[in-house]
Amino acid sequence: MQAILKPLIWLVLSLGMLASAPGGAVTITISCGAVGIELALCREGTEAWAKKSGHQVRVVSTPNSSSERLALYQQLLAAGANDIDVFQIDVIWPGLLANHLLDLEPYIAADTTDHYPAMIANNTVDGRLVAMPWFASVGVLYYRQDLLQKHGESVPVSWAELAGVAARVQAAERAAGHADLWGYVWQGRAYEGLTCNALEWVASEDGGTIVADDGQVTIDNPAAVQAVARAAAWVDNISPPGVLNYAEEDARGVFQSGGAVFMRNWPYAWSLAQGMDSPVRGQVGVAPLPGGSASGRSVSTLGGWQLAVSSYSRHPATAAELVRYLTSAAEQKRRAIAGSFNPTIPALYQDREILAAAPFFANLLTIMDTAVARPSAATGSKYNQASHAFWSAVHQVLSGKRTAAASLASLQARLDRLSRGGKRW
C-alpha cells in the first residue's frame, strides 16, 4: 500500500505549487472517487459550480479502494496539508476524521432538513456537522432477465435459491457453448467491500452485525459460521476463483460483458449496464439481495459517500459553498438520472424523471429502510482495525486457508482483545 500512496501523496501536495486562480477568484481542490462514472460526474458538477461562482476547481482522483483512500486521507490530514479543500468520505469515516474537518453547520444549516435525518446524525460528531450527505448506497442483486426467462427460472429470494439458479443456468449455458459464463460475481477482495458483502450474508441469517450497538463482539455464532461457510462454497463453483480479488469494478466488468448471471453491486452499476455500449443493455434487472435460509430476511449494507471540508483549507467558506452546491437537490437529481446514484434527499425518490431513468429506485426506499449499518458507531476510532480483522478472517475462509468456525472464533478473540471485552473501544 505504501508504494501506491507515496506517489499519490506527492501528486496531491504538488498541487499547491500550481498557479492560483486569476483575479479575486480562488481555486478549490476536491478529491473524488473514480468508480464507474463517478469522476466524470464529479467533474461536470464542479465545472458547473465554477462557471456559476466564478471560482476554479481542481479535481483529484483518489484510489477506488476505500481502504487505500482512507489511508491516503489520514496521512494527508495528519500532516496538516492544505492542498485538498473538499474530501469525499465514506459513510463510516466521520468519527475517524472529525478532528480534521470543518464544522459545516454555520454554512449549510438551512439545507440539512432536506436530507435523511439518520445521515445528518451520522455526520454529526460531538455536535459538529463534519460532512454533508452526497449520495447513499445499498447492496442490490443484478440479474440477467433474458437468461432467467430462457431457462424458466425466477429471481431468487434466498441465498440457497441463488446458488441453485446460478448453478443450473451456468451449466446449461456452458453446455450450449458459453464456456466462460459464471453464475454469480461479487466483491471478494480483502478490503472494505468484503466487509459489506460478508455483513449482508451474516446479518441476513440473524448472525448479528459483527459488533453489537453496546460494543459487545458477537461474530462467533453458528449463524455467522454457516453464512460465511456457504459463501466459501460458491468459489470455483458458481463464482470464479478470481472473485477473491474482485472489487466493484472487477465484478461489474465481468457481468456487463455478459460473463455472469447474477452480480452483487451498488446502484451505480445500473446506468452503466444500460449504456449504449453495454453488451447487456436491456437485459438486466435489479432486485433486493437474497434473504437468509432461516430468517428469510433480505439485508443490504448501507453505504454512501459524504463531502467534507478540511479544517486546513485556506478557503473554508468557498469550499463549503461548493459542498452546498454538490449536495443540493438539483445536483443530486442530475447524478441520479445520469449515473443512478442514490439521492440522500427522500423527496427525490418520487421524482418522475429519476424514476424514468432508474425504475428500480421505486423499491430502494424499502431496501434502505431495512439496510444494516456497519458497526462504526460502536467501534469508534477503532472501526478500521475491526473491519480489517473481519475482512481478513472472512477472506481466509473464502480462500480455503481456514474453516469458518476456526476463523470466526479467532476473530472473536482478536476483537475482544481490541475492545477489552467490548467495554473500551
Protein backbone atom coordinates (compact mmCIF):
# COMPACT_ATOMS: atom_id res chain seq x y z
CA MET A 1 0.00 0.00 0.00
CA GLN A 2 2.86 2.40 0.75
CA ALA A 3 4.07 2.03 -2.83
CA ILE A 4 0.65 3.20 -4.01
CA LEU A 5 0.18 6.02 -1.53
CA LYS A 6 3.55 7.76 -1.84
CA PRO A 7 3.15 8.89 -5.48
CA LEU A 8 -0.45 9.89 -4.78
CA ILE A 9 0.61 11.98 -1.81
CA TRP A 10 3.31 13.64 -3.92
CA LEU A 11 0.72 14.42 -6.62
CA VAL A 12 -1.69 15.93 -4.12
CA LEU A 13 0.92 18.00 -2.31
CA SER A 14 2.37 19.26 -5.59
CA LEU A 15 -0.98 20.83 -6.46
CA GLY A 16 -0.17 23.64 -4.07
CA MET A 17 2.69 24.71 -6.34
CA LEU A 18 0.35 25.29 -9.29
CA ALA A 19 -0.79 28.78 -10.23
CA SER A 20 -3.62 30.41 -8.33
CA ALA A 21 -6.86 31.39 -9.97
CA PRO A 22 -6.93 34.78 -11.68
CA GLY A 23 -8.39 37.92 -10.19
CA GLY A 24 -10.36 37.67 -6.97
CA ALA A 25 -11.37 34.08 -7.61
CA VAL A 26 -9.92 31.23 -5.60
CA THR A 27 -9.18 27.65 -6.59
CA ILE A 28 -10.82 24.83 -4.63
CA THR A 29 -9.38 21.33 -4.84
CA ILE A 30 -11.70 18.36 -4.36
CA SER A 31 -10.92 14.66 -4.12
CA CYS A 32 -13.38 12.42 -5.95
CA GLY A 33 -13.70 8.69 -6.43
CA ALA A 34 -13.45 7.10 -9.84
CA VAL A 35 -15.70 4.04 -9.58
CA GLY A 36 -17.75 3.77 -12.77
CA ILE A 37 -18.59 7.29 -13.94
CA GLU A 38 -18.05 8.91 -10.54
CA LEU A 39 -15.12 11.00 -11.71
CA ALA A 40 -16.88 12.24 -14.84
CA LEU A 41 -19.96 13.30 -12.87
CA CYS A 42 -17.79 15.00 -10.27
CA ARG A 43 -16.00 16.99 -12.95
CA GLU A 44 -19.28 18.02 -14.56
CA GLY A 45 -20.75 19.14 -11.25
CA THR A 46 -17.71 21.10 -10.16
CA GLU A 47 -17.34 22.72 -13.57
CA ALA A 48 -20.95 23.90 -13.40
CA TRP A 49 -20.32 25.40 -9.95
CA ALA A 50 -17.13 27.06 -11.17
CA LYS A 51 -18.98 28.67 -14.06
CA LYS A 52 -21.73 29.89 -11.76
CA SER A 53 -19.49 31.12 -8.95
CA GLY A 54 -16.52 32.48 -10.89
CA HIS A 55 -14.10 30.35 -8.89
CA GLN A 56 -11.99 27.49 -10.21
CA VAL A 57 -11.90 23.83 -9.21
CA ARG A 58 -9.22 21.16 -9.44
CA VAL A 59 -10.40 17.55 -9.22
CA VAL A 60 -8.04 14.94 -7.77
CA SER A 61 -8.84 11.28 -8.36
CA THR A 62 -8.18 9.04 -5.39
CA PRO A 63 -7.91 5.22 -5.09
CA ASN A 64 -11.10 3.26 -5.75
CA SER A 65 -10.33 1.02 -2.80
CA SER A 66 -11.92 2.67 0.23
CA SER A 67 -9.20 1.20 2.46
CA GLU A 68 -6.42 2.78 0.39
CA ARG A 69 -8.33 6.04 0.15
CA LEU A 70 -8.74 6.26 3.91
CA ALA A 71 -5.04 5.62 4.45
CA LEU A 72 -4.21 8.40 2.00
CA TYR A 73 -6.60 10.83 3.67
CA GLN A 74 -5.27 10.05 7.12
CA GLN A 75 -1.69 10.71 6.03
CA LEU A 76 -2.59 13.99 4.35
CA LEU A 77 -4.71 15.26 7.23
CA ALA A 78 -2.21 14.18 9.88
CA ALA A 79 0.37 16.27 8.04
CA GLY A 80 -1.97 19.29 8.10
CA ALA A 81 -1.77 19.53 4.31
CA ASN A 82 -3.99 22.30 2.91
CA ASP A 83 -3.83 21.31 -0.74
CA ILE A 84 -7.17 19.46 -0.71
CA ASP A 85 -10.13 21.55 0.39
CA VAL A 86 -13.00 19.09 -0.05
CA PHE A 87 -12.79 15.37 0.68
CA GLN A 88 -15.20 12.68 -0.47
CA ILE A 89 -15.50 10.48 2.61
CA ASP A 90 -17.20 7.16 3.28
CA VAL A 91 -20.28 6.96 5.49
CA ILE A 92 -18.20 5.20 8.15
CA TRP A 93 -15.43 7.81 8.37
CA PRO A 94 -16.91 10.93 10.06
CA GLY A 95 -15.88 9.73 13.52
CA LEU A 96 -12.41 8.75 12.32
CA LEU A 97 -11.65 12.06 10.59
CA ALA A 98 -13.77 14.54 12.57
CA ASN A 99 -10.84 16.24 14.29
CA HIS A 100 -9.52 17.35 10.90
CA LEU A 101 -12.83 18.51 9.40
CA LEU A 102 -14.63 21.85 9.38
CA ASP A 103 -17.97 22.28 11.14
CA LEU A 104 -20.34 22.93 8.22
CA GLU A 105 -23.31 23.96 10.36
CA PRO A 106 -22.70 27.73 10.02
CA TYR A 107 -22.55 27.42 6.24
CA ILE A 108 -25.20 24.80 5.38
CA ALA A 109 -27.61 24.64 8.33
CA ALA A 110 -30.68 25.58 6.26
CA ASP A 111 -30.13 22.68 3.84
CA THR A 112 -29.80 19.84 6.33
CA THR A 113 -33.55 19.34 6.84
CA ASP A 114 -33.96 18.10 3.27
CA HIS A 115 -31.74 15.06 3.83
CA TYR A 116 -32.37 11.79 5.65
CA PRO A 117 -32.14 12.67 9.37
CA ALA A 118 -30.14 9.49 10.04
CA MET A 119 -27.48 10.58 7.57
CA ILE A 120 -27.20 14.04 9.09
CA ALA A 121 -26.93 12.38 12.50
CA ASN A 122 -24.24 10.04 11.19
CA ASN A 123 -22.23 13.05 10.01
CA THR A 124 -22.61 14.98 13.25
CA VAL A 125 -19.76 14.29 15.69
CA ASP A 126 -19.74 15.89 19.13
CA GLY A 127 -22.33 18.40 17.94
CA ARG A 128 -20.34 19.36 14.82
CA LEU A 129 -21.65 18.73 11.29
CA VAL A 130 -18.42 17.47 9.76
CA ALA A 131 -19.83 16.31 6.41
CA MET A 132 -22.88 16.58 4.15
CA PRO A 133 -24.52 13.53 2.52
CA TRP A 134 -23.76 13.36 -1.20
CA PHE A 135 -25.16 10.01 -2.26
CA ALA A 136 -26.39 6.93 -0.44
CA SER A 137 -25.97 3.35 -1.49
CA VAL A 138 -27.24 -0.12 -0.65
CA GLY A 139 -26.22 -3.51 -1.94
CA VAL A 140 -28.57 -4.92 -4.61
CA LEU A 141 -28.78 -8.00 -6.81
CA TYR A 142 -28.37 -7.58 -10.57
CA TYR A 143 -29.59 -10.42 -12.77
CA ARG A 144 -29.84 -11.32 -16.45
CA GLN A 145 -33.54 -11.20 -17.25
CA ASP A 146 -33.02 -12.84 -20.63
CA LEU A 147 -31.17 -15.84 -19.22
CA LEU A 148 -33.63 -16.45 -16.39
CA GLN A 149 -36.53 -16.31 -18.86
CA LYS A 150 -34.72 -18.58 -21.32
CA HIS A 151 -34.19 -21.27 -18.69
CA GLY A 152 -37.51 -20.87 -16.89
CA GLU A 153 -36.01 -19.58 -13.66
CA SER A 154 -37.28 -16.98 -11.21
CA VAL A 155 -35.38 -14.27 -9.36
CA PRO A 156 -34.06 -15.97 -6.18
CA VAL A 157 -35.28 -14.76 -2.82
CA SER A 158 -32.87 -16.78 -0.65
CA TRP A 159 -29.14 -17.47 -0.82
CA ALA A 160 -29.87 -21.18 -1.31
CA GLU A 161 -32.11 -20.38 -4.28
CA LEU A 162 -29.42 -18.09 -5.72
CA ALA A 163 -26.86 -20.89 -5.63
CA GLY A 164 -29.29 -23.31 -7.25
CA VAL A 165 -30.44 -20.99 -10.05
CA ALA A 166 -26.89 -19.80 -10.72
CA ALA A 167 -25.60 -23.36 -10.98
CA ARG A 168 -28.38 -24.52 -13.31
CA VAL A 169 -28.17 -21.57 -15.69
CA GLN A 170 -24.37 -21.70 -15.67
CA ALA A 171 -24.37 -25.41 -16.56
CA ALA A 172 -26.97 -25.04 -19.30
CA GLU A 173 -25.23 -22.09 -20.92
CA ARG A 174 -21.83 -23.76 -20.79
CA ALA A 175 -23.29 -26.85 -22.40
CA ALA A 176 -24.61 -24.59 -25.17
CA GLY A 177 -21.14 -23.18 -25.80
CA HIS A 178 -20.89 -20.22 -23.41
CA ALA A 179 -17.88 -21.73 -21.66
CA ASP A 180 -16.84 -18.61 -19.77
CA LEU A 181 -20.17 -17.88 -18.09
CA TRP A 182 -20.29 -17.82 -14.29
CA GLY A 183 -23.30 -17.88 -12.03
CA TYR A 184 -22.51 -15.14 -9.52
CA VAL A 185 -19.92 -12.37 -9.13
CA TRP A 186 -19.42 -10.13 -6.10
CA GLN A 187 -16.71 -8.29 -4.15
CA GLY A 188 -14.34 -10.86 -2.60
CA ARG A 189 -11.09 -8.94 -2.35
CA ALA A 190 -9.67 -8.47 1.15
CA TYR A 191 -10.86 -4.86 1.60
CA GLU A 192 -13.83 -2.87 2.90
CA GLY A 193 -16.06 -4.15 0.10
CA LEU A 194 -15.76 -7.67 1.50
CA THR A 195 -16.88 -6.37 4.90
CA CYS A 196 -20.04 -5.07 3.16
CA ASN A 197 -20.71 -8.37 1.37
CA ALA A 198 -19.99 -10.59 4.36
CA LEU A 199 -22.06 -8.42 6.70
CA GLU A 200 -25.02 -8.98 4.36
CA TRP A 201 -24.52 -12.75 4.47
CA VAL A 202 -24.23 -12.82 8.25
CA ALA A 203 -26.99 -10.35 9.11
CA SER A 204 -29.46 -11.99 6.73
CA GLU A 205 -29.08 -15.19 8.80
CA ASP A 206 -29.63 -13.26 12.04
CA GLY A 207 -25.95 -13.68 12.84
CA GLY A 208 -25.55 -10.13 14.11
CA THR A 209 -23.50 -7.18 12.87
CA ILE A 210 -20.01 -8.26 14.00
CA VAL A 211 -20.15 -5.88 16.96
CA ALA A 212 -23.43 -5.03 18.70
CA ASP A 213 -24.55 -1.49 19.43
CA ASP A 214 -23.36 -1.83 23.04
CA GLY A 215 -19.83 -2.73 21.90
CA GLN A 216 -20.04 -6.46 22.57
CA VAL A 217 -18.39 -8.65 19.91
CA THR A 218 -20.95 -11.11 18.51
CA ILE A 219 -19.36 -12.59 15.40
CA ASP A 220 -18.61 -16.09 16.73
CA ASN A 221 -22.04 -17.69 16.46
CA PRO A 222 -23.49 -20.64 14.46
CA ALA A 223 -25.49 -18.44 12.06
CA ALA A 224 -22.43 -16.38 11.13
CA VAL A 225 -20.32 -19.53 10.67
CA GLN A 226 -22.97 -21.02 8.39
CA ALA A 227 -23.25 -17.84 6.30
CA VAL A 228 -19.51 -17.49 5.69
CA ALA A 229 -19.04 -21.20 5.02
CA ARG A 230 -21.85 -21.08 2.45
CA ALA A 231 -20.17 -18.22 0.59
CA ALA A 232 -16.87 -20.10 0.54
CA ALA A 233 -18.63 -22.96 -1.27
CA TRP A 234 -19.51 -20.58 -4.12
CA VAL A 235 -15.85 -20.01 -5.06
CA ASP A 236 -14.83 -22.04 -8.13
CA ASN A 237 -18.36 -23.42 -8.33
CA ILE A 238 -20.78 -20.63 -9.24
CA SER A 239 -18.20 -17.86 -8.75
CA PRO A 240 -14.82 -17.66 -10.50
CA PRO A 241 -11.66 -18.24 -8.44
CA GLY A 242 -10.66 -14.69 -9.34
CA VAL A 243 -13.61 -13.34 -7.32
CA LEU A 244 -11.24 -13.42 -4.34
CA ASN A 245 -9.58 -10.37 -5.89
CA TYR A 246 -12.70 -8.62 -7.20
CA ALA A 247 -13.71 -5.10 -6.16
CA GLU A 248 -16.81 -3.34 -7.51
CA GLU A 249 -15.48 -2.58 -10.96
CA ASP A 250 -14.00 -6.06 -11.44
CA ALA A 251 -17.39 -7.64 -10.75
CA ARG A 252 -19.14 -5.12 -12.99
CA GLY A 253 -16.69 -5.77 -15.81
CA VAL A 254 -17.48 -9.49 -15.81
CA PHE A 255 -21.23 -9.03 -15.50
CA GLN A 256 -21.56 -6.21 -18.01
CA SER A 257 -19.54 -8.08 -20.61
CA GLY A 258 -22.04 -10.92 -20.38
CA GLY A 259 -19.91 -13.17 -18.20
CA ALA A 260 -22.25 -13.74 -15.25
CA VAL A 261 -25.89 -14.47 -14.47
CA PHE A 262 -26.01 -12.59 -11.15
CA MET A 263 -23.98 -9.80 -9.56
CA ARG A 264 -23.99 -8.10 -6.18
CA ASN A 265 -23.12 -4.43 -6.51
CA TRP A 266 -24.22 -0.90 -5.66
CA PRO A 267 -26.91 1.00 -7.64
CA TYR A 268 -24.32 2.99 -9.64
CA ALA A 269 -23.82 -0.05 -11.91
CA TRP A 270 -27.35 0.27 -13.34
CA SER A 271 -26.73 3.22 -15.63
CA LEU A 272 -23.52 1.65 -16.91
CA ALA A 273 -25.22 -1.69 -17.62
CA GLN A 274 -27.86 0.25 -19.59
CA GLY A 275 -25.30 2.30 -21.54
CA MET A 276 -25.39 2.35 -25.33
CA ASP A 277 -22.13 0.38 -25.48
CA SER A 278 -23.16 -2.23 -22.90
CA PRO A 279 -23.43 -5.81 -24.22
CA VAL A 280 -26.24 -6.48 -21.71
CA ARG A 281 -28.23 -3.33 -22.35
CA GLY A 282 -31.96 -4.01 -21.89
CA GLN A 283 -31.32 -7.46 -20.42
CA VAL A 284 -30.66 -6.56 -16.77
CA GLY A 285 -32.96 -6.49 -13.79
CA VAL A 286 -32.39 -5.35 -10.21
CA ALA A 287 -33.83 -6.93 -7.06
CA PRO A 288 -33.22 -6.98 -3.31
CA LEU A 289 -30.41 -9.23 -2.20
CA PRO A 290 -31.43 -12.79 -1.28
CA GLY A 291 -32.53 -13.48 2.27
CA GLY A 292 -31.21 -15.95 4.80
CA SER A 293 -32.34 -19.56 4.65
CA ALA A 294 -33.67 -19.47 8.22
CA SER A 295 -34.77 -15.86 8.61
CA GLY A 296 -35.91 -15.17 5.05
CA ARG A 297 -34.75 -11.62 5.67
CA SER A 298 -33.03 -9.66 2.91
CA VAL A 299 -30.31 -7.39 4.25
CA SER A 300 -28.26 -4.77 2.42
CA THR A 301 -25.26 -2.98 3.83
CA LEU A 302 -25.78 0.77 3.99
CA GLY A 303 -23.14 2.62 2.05
CA GLY A 304 -22.74 6.08 0.69
CA TRP A 305 -20.37 9.00 0.46
CA GLN A 306 -20.25 12.42 2.03
CA LEU A 307 -18.46 15.67 1.27
CA ALA A 308 -16.34 17.28 3.98
CA VAL A 309 -14.17 20.39 4.14
CA SER A 310 -10.67 20.13 5.55
CA SER A 311 -10.08 22.28 8.61
CA TYR A 312 -6.74 23.17 6.98
CA SER A 313 -8.38 24.67 3.88
CA ARG A 314 -7.23 28.18 3.03
CA HIS A 315 -10.72 28.96 1.69
CA PRO A 316 -13.20 27.23 4.04
CA ALA A 317 -16.24 29.38 3.21
CA THR A 318 -15.80 28.91 -0.54
CA ALA A 319 -15.15 25.20 -0.11
CA ALA A 320 -18.35 24.94 1.94
CA GLU A 321 -20.25 26.67 -0.87
CA LEU A 322 -19.01 24.00 -3.29
CA VAL A 323 -20.21 21.30 -0.89
CA ARG A 324 -23.57 23.02 -0.60
CA TYR A 325 -23.94 23.09 -4.39
CA LEU A 326 -22.87 19.48 -4.97
CA THR A 327 -25.19 18.10 -2.27
CA SER A 328 -28.19 20.16 -3.38
CA ALA A 329 -31.41 18.60 -4.68
CA ALA A 330 -30.75 19.78 -8.24
CA GLU A 331 -27.28 18.24 -8.39
CA GLN A 332 -28.39 15.02 -6.72
CA LYS A 333 -31.19 14.73 -9.27
CA ARG A 334 -28.73 15.17 -12.13
CA ARG A 335 -26.46 12.48 -10.70
CA ALA A 336 -29.39 10.11 -10.11
CA ILE A 337 -30.51 10.40 -13.73
CA ALA A 338 -27.04 10.31 -15.30
CA GLY A 339 -25.39 7.77 -13.03
CA SER A 340 -28.10 6.10 -10.89
CA PHE A 341 -26.54 7.43 -7.69
CA ASN A 342 -28.97 7.24 -4.78
CA PRO A 343 -30.09 10.66 -3.54
CA THR A 344 -29.86 11.41 0.16
CA ILE A 345 -32.97 13.59 -0.12
CA PRO A 346 -36.13 11.43 0.29
CA ALA A 347 -38.33 13.67 -1.87
CA LEU A 348 -36.25 12.81 -4.94
CA TYR A 349 -37.40 9.19 -4.85
CA GLN A 350 -40.80 10.46 -6.01
CA ASP A 351 -39.34 12.42 -8.93
CA ARG A 352 -40.78 11.19 -12.23
CA GLU A 353 -37.66 11.93 -14.27
CA ILE A 354 -35.47 10.00 -11.84
CA LEU A 355 -37.86 7.02 -11.82
CA ALA A 356 -37.98 7.04 -15.62
CA ALA A 357 -34.18 6.80 -15.76
CA ALA A 358 -33.86 4.25 -12.93
CA PRO A 359 -37.20 2.47 -12.35
CA PHE A 360 -35.80 0.28 -9.56
CA PHE A 361 -35.36 3.40 -7.40
CA ALA A 362 -39.04 2.97 -6.52
CA ASN A 363 -38.03 -0.09 -4.48
CA LEU A 364 -34.90 1.41 -2.95
CA LEU A 365 -36.72 3.23 -0.18
CA THR A 366 -37.83 -0.12 1.24
CA ILE A 367 -34.33 -1.58 0.89
CA MET A 368 -32.80 1.45 2.55
CA ASP A 369 -35.27 1.25 5.43
CA THR A 370 -34.04 -2.28 6.22
CA ALA A 371 -30.37 -1.68 5.46
CA VAL A 372 -27.82 -2.58 8.11
CA ALA A 373 -25.07 -0.18 9.13
CA ARG A 374 -21.52 -1.33 9.66
CA PRO A 375 -20.52 -1.12 13.34
CA SER A 376 -18.60 2.14 13.01
CA ALA A 377 -20.57 3.85 15.78
CA ALA A 378 -19.95 1.02 18.26
CA THR A 379 -16.25 0.70 17.45
CA GLY A 380 -15.49 4.42 17.13
CA SER A 381 -11.91 5.25 16.19
CA LYS A 382 -11.07 1.53 16.03
CA TYR A 383 -13.56 0.75 13.26
CA ASN A 384 -10.88 0.46 10.61
CA GLN A 385 -8.98 -2.08 12.72
CA ALA A 386 -12.14 -4.04 13.42
CA SER A 387 -13.19 -4.09 9.77
CA HIS A 388 -9.70 -5.12 8.66
CA ALA A 389 -9.78 -8.01 11.11
CA PHE A 390 -13.22 -9.06 9.85
CA TRP A 391 -12.49 -8.99 6.13
CA SER A 392 -9.15 -10.74 6.70
CA ALA A 393 -10.83 -13.54 8.66
CA VAL A 394 -13.55 -13.97 6.03
CA HIS A 395 -11.04 -13.93 3.19
CA GLN A 396 -9.10 -16.75 4.83
CA VAL A 397 -12.27 -18.84 4.76
CA LEU A 398 -13.12 -17.95 1.16
CA SER A 399 -9.60 -18.84 0.02
CA GLY A 400 -9.71 -22.20 1.80
CA LYS A 401 -7.00 -21.41 4.33
CA ARG A 402 -9.19 -21.87 7.43
CA THR A 403 -12.60 -23.21 8.29
CA ALA A 404 -15.36 -20.71 9.04
CA ALA A 405 -15.65 -21.98 12.62
CA ALA A 406 -11.94 -21.62 13.35
CA SER A 407 -11.57 -18.26 11.61
CA LEU A 408 -14.55 -16.62 13.32
CA ALA A 409 -13.54 -17.97 16.73
CA SER A 410 -10.10 -16.45 16.23
CA LEU A 411 -11.71 -13.20 15.04
CA GLN A 412 -13.90 -13.06 18.14
CA ALA A 413 -10.84 -13.36 20.38
CA ARG A 414 -8.98 -10.70 18.40
CA LEU A 415 -11.85 -8.21 18.57
CA ASP A 416 -12.39 -8.93 22.26
CA ARG A 417 -8.76 -8.01 22.89
CA LEU A 418 -9.06 -4.90 20.73
CA SER A 419 -12.14 -3.74 22.63
CA ARG A 420 -11.13 -5.05 26.06
CA GLY A 421 -14.11 -7.30 26.20
CA GLY A 422 -16.41 -4.87 24.41
CA LYS A 423 -16.04 -2.29 27.15
CA ARG A 424 -13.41 0.08 25.77
CA TRP A 425 -13.48 0.60 22.04
